[in-house]
Amino acid sequence: MSGLTYEAVARFAQQGGTLYFAAIFIAGLIYALWPRNKEAFRRLAHLPLEKDESDHV
């Protein structure tokens, strides 16, 4: 009998998927909180509140 059972593959996929999505989340969090991106995110956050339509292009 092989050591590669359904349970072993499922456990690996679950743990690997958890680590993968945690890494993606941390990378997104770092990107969002990076000081260089602060002004761009601030401008984009206030974009819906602007009254002039020409600024949205």
C-alpha atoms as a PDB file:
ATOM      1  CA  MET A   1       0.000   0.000   0.000  1.00  0.00           C
ATOM      2  CA  SER A   2       1.262   3.445  -0.908  1.00  0.00           C
ATOM      3  CA  GLY A   3       1.904   6.180   1.653  1.00  0.00           C
ATOM      4  CA  LEU A   4      -0.012   8.583  -0.567  1.00  0.00           C
ATOM      5  CA  THR A   5      -3.561   8.147   0.673  1.00  0.00           C
ATOM      6  CA  TYR A   6      -6.567  10.371   0.191  1.00  0.00           C
ATOM      7  CA  GLU A   7      -6.290  11.579   3.780  1.00  0.00           C
ATOM      8  CA  ALA A   8      -2.616  12.513   3.346  1.00  0.00           C
ATOM      9  CA  VAL A   9      -3.298  14.435   0.135  1.00  0.00           C
ATOM     10  CA  ALA A  10      -6.338  16.158   1.665  1.00  0.00           C
ATOM     11  CA  ARG A  11      -4.358  17.162   4.770  1.00  0.00           C
ATOM     12  CA  PHE A  12      -1.528  18.539   2.616  1.00  0.00           C
ATOM     13  CA  ALA A  13      -3.977  20.485   0.431  1.00  0.00           C
ATOM     14  CA  GLN A  14      -5.747  21.958   3.466  1.00  0.00           C
ATOM     15  CA  GLN A  15      -2.561  23.018   5.185  1.00  0.00           C
ATOM     16  CA  GLY A  16      -0.949  24.243   1.986  1.00  0.00           C
ATOM     17  CA  GLY A  17      -4.059  26.192   1.034  1.00  0.00           C
ATOM     18  CA  THR A  18      -4.223  27.802   4.453  1.00  0.00           C
ATOM     19  CA  LEU A  19      -0.579  28.872   4.248  1.00  0.00           C
ATOM     20  CA  TYR A  20      -1.039  30.112   0.665  1.00  0.00           C
ATOM     21  CA  PHE A  21      -4.061  32.270   1.478  1.00  0.00           C
ATOM     22  CA  ALA A  22      -2.437  33.554   4.669  1.00  0.00           C
ATOM     23  CA  ALA A  23       0.600  34.633   2.616  1.00  0.00           C
ATOM     24  CA  ILE A  24      -1.641  36.359   0.046  1.00  0.00           C
ATOM     25  CA  PHE A  25      -3.537  38.143   2.855  1.00  0.00           C
ATOM     26  CA  ILE A  26      -0.318  39.315   4.528  1.00  0.00           C
ATOM     27  CA  ALA A  27       1.071  40.537   1.190  1.00  0.00           C
ATOM     28  CA  GLY A  28      -2.135  42.512   0.558  1.00  0.00           C
ATOM     29  CA  LEU A  29      -2.052  43.944   4.047  1.00  0.00           C
ATOM     30  CA  ILE A  30       1.554  45.048   3.639  1.00  0.00           C
ATOM     31  CA  TYR A  31       0.697  46.645   0.289  1.00  0.00           C
ATOM     32  CA  ALA A  32      -2.294  48.484   1.745  1.00  0.00           C
ATOM     33  CA  LEU A  33      -0.355  49.771   4.762  1.00  0.00           C
ATOM     34  CA  TRP A  34       2.870  50.657   2.931  1.00  0.00           C
ATOM     35  CA  PRO A  35       3.616  54.362   3.607  1.00  0.00           C
ATOM     36  CA  ARG A  36       4.236  55.120  -0.081  1.00  0.00           C
ATOM     37  CA  ASN A  37       0.630  54.135  -0.949  1.00  0.00           C
ATOM     38  CA  LYS A  38      -0.964  56.272   1.769  1.00  0.00           C
ATOM     39  CA  GLU A  39      -1.681  59.352  -0.348  1.00  0.00           C
ATOM     40  CA  ALA A  40      -3.061  57.359  -3.279  1.00  0.00           C
ATOM     41  CA  PHE A  41      -5.475  55.467  -1.020  1.00  0.00           C
ATOM     42  CA  ARG A  42      -6.500  58.700   0.697  1.00  0.00           C
ATOM     43  CA  ARG A  43      -7.280  60.301  -2.690  1.00  0.00           C
ATOM     44  CA  LEU A  44      -9.227  57.248  -3.843  1.00  0.00           C
ATOM     45  CA  ALA A  45     -11.209  57.148  -0.591  1.00  0.00           C
ATOM     46  CA  HIS A  46     -12.426  60.711  -1.143  1.00  0.00           C
ATOM     47  CA  LEU A  47     -13.149  60.259  -4.846  1.00  0.00           C
ATOM     48  CA  PRO A  48     -16.889  59.419  -4.417  1.00  0.00           C
ATOM     49  CA  LEU A  49     -17.366  62.616  -2.399  1.00  0.00           C
ATOM     50  CA  GLU A  50     -16.043  64.957  -5.094  1.00  0.00           C
ATOM     51  CA  LYS A  51     -18.603  66.968  -7.021  1.00  0.00           C
ATOM     52  CA  ASP A  52     -16.603  67.688 -10.172  1.00  0.00           C
ATOM     53  CA  GLU A  53     -17.047  64.858 -12.704  1.00  0.00           C
ATOM     54  CA  SER A  54     -13.939  65.841 -14.714  1.00  0.00           C
ATOM     55  CA  ASP A  55     -11.626  64.726 -11.870  1.00  0.00           C
ATOM     56  CA  HIS A  56     -12.736  61.084 -12.196  1.00  0.00           C
ATOM     57  CA  VAL A  57     -10.888  60.332 -15.427  1.00  0.00           C
END
